[in-house]
Amino acid sequence: MGPIENLLSMIPGMGKQLKGVQVDEKEFSRIEAIINSMTPRERRNPHILNGSRKKRIALGSGTSVTHVNRLLKQYKEMKRMMKMFKGKKGKKGRFRGLPMPF
C-alpha cells in the first residue's frame, strides 16, 4: 500500500492540507496493539475503562498506561470534533468552512 503519508494524501479534499505531514508508523502499530488488547465491550464503550482495565490493556499491548490514556484522550477529542461538524450543516448538505464534499 505504501507509506501512510501517500494514503492520507488520497483523502478527498484533504490532500493539500496534509501535504508534508510526517506520520510515525510505529505509533499506528502501538495504537493497533492497544485496541486489540481491549475486549469488544471496551471497544464499544471506552467510558467503562477504569484503572485496572487500563493497566491490563497496557500489559497486553506492551505499552504503558500513559499510552492508553493518550489514546483515549485522542478518541474523546476526535469524537467531540465530529459532533461539532455534525451540527454545522449548511446549504445542500455540505459542511460550512470545510473543503470536503459530502
C-alpha atoms as a PDB file:
ATOM      1  CA  MET A   1       0.000   0.000   0.000  1.00  0.00           C
ATOM      2  CA  GLY A   2       2.909   2.310   0.590  1.00  0.00           C
ATOM      3  CA  PRO A   3       3.654   4.894   3.215  1.00  0.00           C
ATOM      4  CA  ILE A   4       0.824   6.295   5.339  1.00  0.00           C
ATOM      5  CA  GLU A   5       1.595   9.787   4.002  1.00  0.00           C
ATOM      6  CA  ASN A   6       0.577   8.660   0.499  1.00  0.00           C
ATOM      7  CA  LEU A   7      -2.627   7.137   1.832  1.00  0.00           C
ATOM      8  CA  LEU A   8      -3.537  10.336   3.706  1.00  0.00           C
ATOM      9  CA  SER A   9      -2.989  12.412   0.561  1.00  0.00           C
ATOM     10  CA  MET A  10      -5.735  10.367  -1.163  1.00  0.00           C
ATOM     11  CA  ILE A  11      -8.451  11.556   1.228  1.00  0.00           C
ATOM     12  CA  PRO A  12     -10.789  13.775  -0.818  1.00  0.00           C
ATOM     13  CA  GLY A  13     -10.322  17.457  -0.023  1.00  0.00           C
ATOM     14  CA  MET A  14      -7.534  16.827   2.451  1.00  0.00           C
ATOM     15  CA  GLY A  15      -4.594  16.103   0.135  1.00  0.00           C
ATOM     16  CA  LYS A  16      -3.291  19.677   0.065  1.00  0.00           C
ATOM     17  CA  GLN A  17      -3.784  20.248   3.780  1.00  0.00           C
ATOM     18  CA  LEU A  18      -1.887  17.098   4.739  1.00  0.00           C
ATOM     19  CA  LYS A  19       0.986  17.614   2.329  1.00  0.00           C
ATOM     20  CA  GLY A  20       4.319  17.231   4.093  1.00  0.00           C
ATOM     21  CA  VAL A  21       2.813  15.761   7.271  1.00  0.00           C
ATOM     22  CA  GLN A  22       5.159  13.279   8.944  1.00  0.00           C
ATOM     23  CA  VAL A  23       3.444  10.174  10.299  1.00  0.00           C
ATOM     24  CA  ASP A  24       5.144   7.842  12.755  1.00  0.00           C
ATOM     25  CA  GLU A  25       4.176   4.359  11.578  1.00  0.00           C
ATOM     26  CA  LYS A  26       5.340   2.871  14.901  1.00  0.00           C
ATOM     27  CA  GLU A  27       2.611   4.901  16.582  1.00  0.00           C
ATOM     28  CA  PHE A  28       0.000   3.201  14.376  1.00  0.00           C
ATOM     29  CA  SER A  29       1.228  -0.245  15.403  1.00  0.00           C
ATOM     30  CA  ARG A  30       1.170   0.863  19.065  1.00  0.00           C
ATOM     31  CA  ILE A  31      -2.423   2.083  18.701  1.00  0.00           C
ATOM     32  CA  GLU A  32      -3.412  -1.145  16.982  1.00  0.00           C
ATOM     33  CA  ALA A  33      -1.873  -3.186  19.805  1.00  0.00           C
ATOM     34  CA  ILE A  34      -3.765  -1.159  22.419  1.00  0.00           C
ATOM     35  CA  ILE A  35      -7.085  -1.544  20.608  1.00  0.00           C
ATOM     36  CA  ASN A  36      -6.525  -5.279  20.068  1.00  0.00           C
ATOM     37  CA  SER A  37      -5.866  -5.663  23.806  1.00  0.00           C
ATOM     38  CA  MET A  38      -9.341  -4.345  24.606  1.00  0.00           C
ATOM     39  CA  THR A  39     -12.390  -6.559  24.858  1.00  0.00           C
ATOM     40  CA  PRO A  40     -15.148  -5.960  22.288  1.00  0.00           C
ATOM     41  CA  ARG A  41     -17.259  -4.379  25.045  1.00  0.00           C
ATOM     42  CA  GLU A  42     -14.447  -1.947  25.917  1.00  0.00           C
ATOM     43  CA  ARG A  43     -14.058  -1.022  22.257  1.00  0.00           C
ATOM     44  CA  ARG A  44     -17.764  -0.216  22.012  1.00  0.00           C
ATOM     45  CA  ASN A  45     -17.881   1.629  25.352  1.00  0.00           C
ATOM     46  CA  PRO A  46     -14.492   3.183  26.174  1.00  0.00           C
ATOM     47  CA  HIS A  47     -16.041   5.104  29.069  1.00  0.00           C
ATOM     48  CA  ILE A  48     -16.112   1.871  31.111  1.00  0.00           C
ATOM     49  CA  LEU A  49     -12.303   1.758  31.245  1.00  0.00           C
ATOM     50  CA  ASN A  50     -11.121   2.156  34.819  1.00  0.00           C
ATOM     51  CA  GLY A  51      -7.607   1.996  36.221  1.00  0.00           C
ATOM     52  CA  SER A  52      -7.350  -1.788  36.449  1.00  0.00           C
ATOM     53  CA  ARG A  53      -8.686  -2.262  32.909  1.00  0.00           C
ATOM     54  CA  LYS A  54      -6.220   0.310  31.569  1.00  0.00           C
ATOM     55  CA  LYS A  55      -3.393  -1.492  33.342  1.00  0.00           C
ATOM     56  CA  ARG A  56      -4.477  -4.838  31.811  1.00  0.00           C
ATOM     57  CA  ILE A  57      -4.681  -3.260  28.343  1.00  0.00           C
ATOM     58  CA  ALA A  58      -1.238  -1.688  28.762  1.00  0.00           C
ATOM     59  CA  LEU A  59       0.290  -5.021  29.818  1.00  0.00           C
ATOM     60  CA  GLY A  60      -1.429  -6.847  26.962  1.00  0.00           C
ATOM     61  CA  SER A  61      -0.262  -4.348  24.363  1.00  0.00           C
ATOM     62  CA  GLY A  62       3.283  -3.957  25.663  1.00  0.00           C
ATOM     63  CA  THR A  63       2.785  -0.259  26.322  1.00  0.00           C
ATOM     64  CA  SER A  64       2.279   1.898  29.383  1.00  0.00           C
ATOM     65  CA  VAL A  65      -0.901   3.198  30.963  1.00  0.00           C
ATOM     66  CA  THR A  66       0.200   6.641  29.739  1.00  0.00           C
ATOM     67  CA  HIS A  67      -0.086   5.462  26.123  1.00  0.00           C
ATOM     68  CA  VAL A  68      -3.554   4.039  26.790  1.00  0.00           C
ATOM     69  CA  ASN A  69      -4.671   7.304  28.418  1.00  0.00           C
ATOM     70  CA  ARG A  70      -3.278   9.315  25.490  1.00  0.00           C
ATOM     71  CA  LEU A  71      -5.203   7.169  23.003  1.00  0.00           C
ATOM     72  CA  LEU A  72      -8.431   7.571  24.984  1.00  0.00           C
ATOM     73  CA  LYS A  73      -7.919  11.336  25.126  1.00  0.00           C
ATOM     74  CA  GLN A  74      -7.374  11.476  21.351  1.00  0.00           C
ATOM     75  CA  TYR A  75     -10.531   9.434  20.848  1.00  0.00           C
ATOM     76  CA  LYS A  76     -12.589  11.787  23.035  1.00  0.00           C
ATOM     77  CA  GLU A  77     -11.240  14.854  21.226  1.00  0.00           C
ATOM     78  CA  MET A  78     -11.994  13.352  17.811  1.00  0.00           C
ATOM     79  CA  LYS A  79     -15.499  12.393  18.936  1.00  0.00           C
ATOM     80  CA  ARG A  80     -16.074  15.951  20.195  1.00  0.00           C
ATOM     81  CA  MET A  81     -14.844  17.420  16.887  1.00  0.00           C
ATOM     82  CA  MET A  82     -17.107  15.121  14.872  1.00  0.00           C
ATOM     83  CA  LYS A  83     -20.102  16.241  16.957  1.00  0.00           C
ATOM     84  CA  MET A  84     -19.244  19.869  16.207  1.00  0.00           C
ATOM     85  CA  PHE A  85     -19.070  19.189  12.466  1.00  0.00           C
ATOM     86  CA  LYS A  86     -22.305  17.220  12.539  1.00  0.00           C
ATOM     87  CA  GLY A  87     -24.230  20.255  13.790  1.00  0.00           C
ATOM     88  CA  LYS A  88     -22.784  22.706  11.256  1.00  0.00           C
ATOM     89  CA  LYS A  89     -24.524  21.661   8.064  1.00  0.00           C
ATOM     90  CA  GLY A  90     -25.022  24.372   5.502  1.00  0.00           C
ATOM     91  CA  LYS A  91     -26.626  24.556   2.093  1.00  0.00           C
ATOM     92  CA  LYS A  92     -27.097  21.353   0.120  1.00  0.00           C
ATOM     93  CA  GLY A  93     -25.874  19.176   2.973  1.00  0.00           C
ATOM     94  CA  ARG A  94     -22.301  20.450   2.926  1.00  0.00           C
ATOM     95  CA  PHE A  95     -20.307  21.475   5.946  1.00  0.00           C
ATOM     96  CA  ARG A  96     -19.567  25.159   6.101  1.00  0.00           C
ATOM     97  CA  GLY A  97     -15.900  26.070   6.055  1.00  0.00           C
ATOM     98  CA  LEU A  98     -14.719  22.565   5.208  1.00  0.00           C
ATOM     99  CA  PRO A  99     -13.319  21.666   1.801  1.00  0.00           C
ATOM    100  CA  MET A 100     -14.587  18.076   1.950  1.00  0.00           C
ATOM    101  CA  PRO A 101     -17.796  17.485  -0.052  1.00  0.00           C
ATOM    102  CA  PHE A 102     -20.437  15.193   1.452  1.00  0.00           C
END
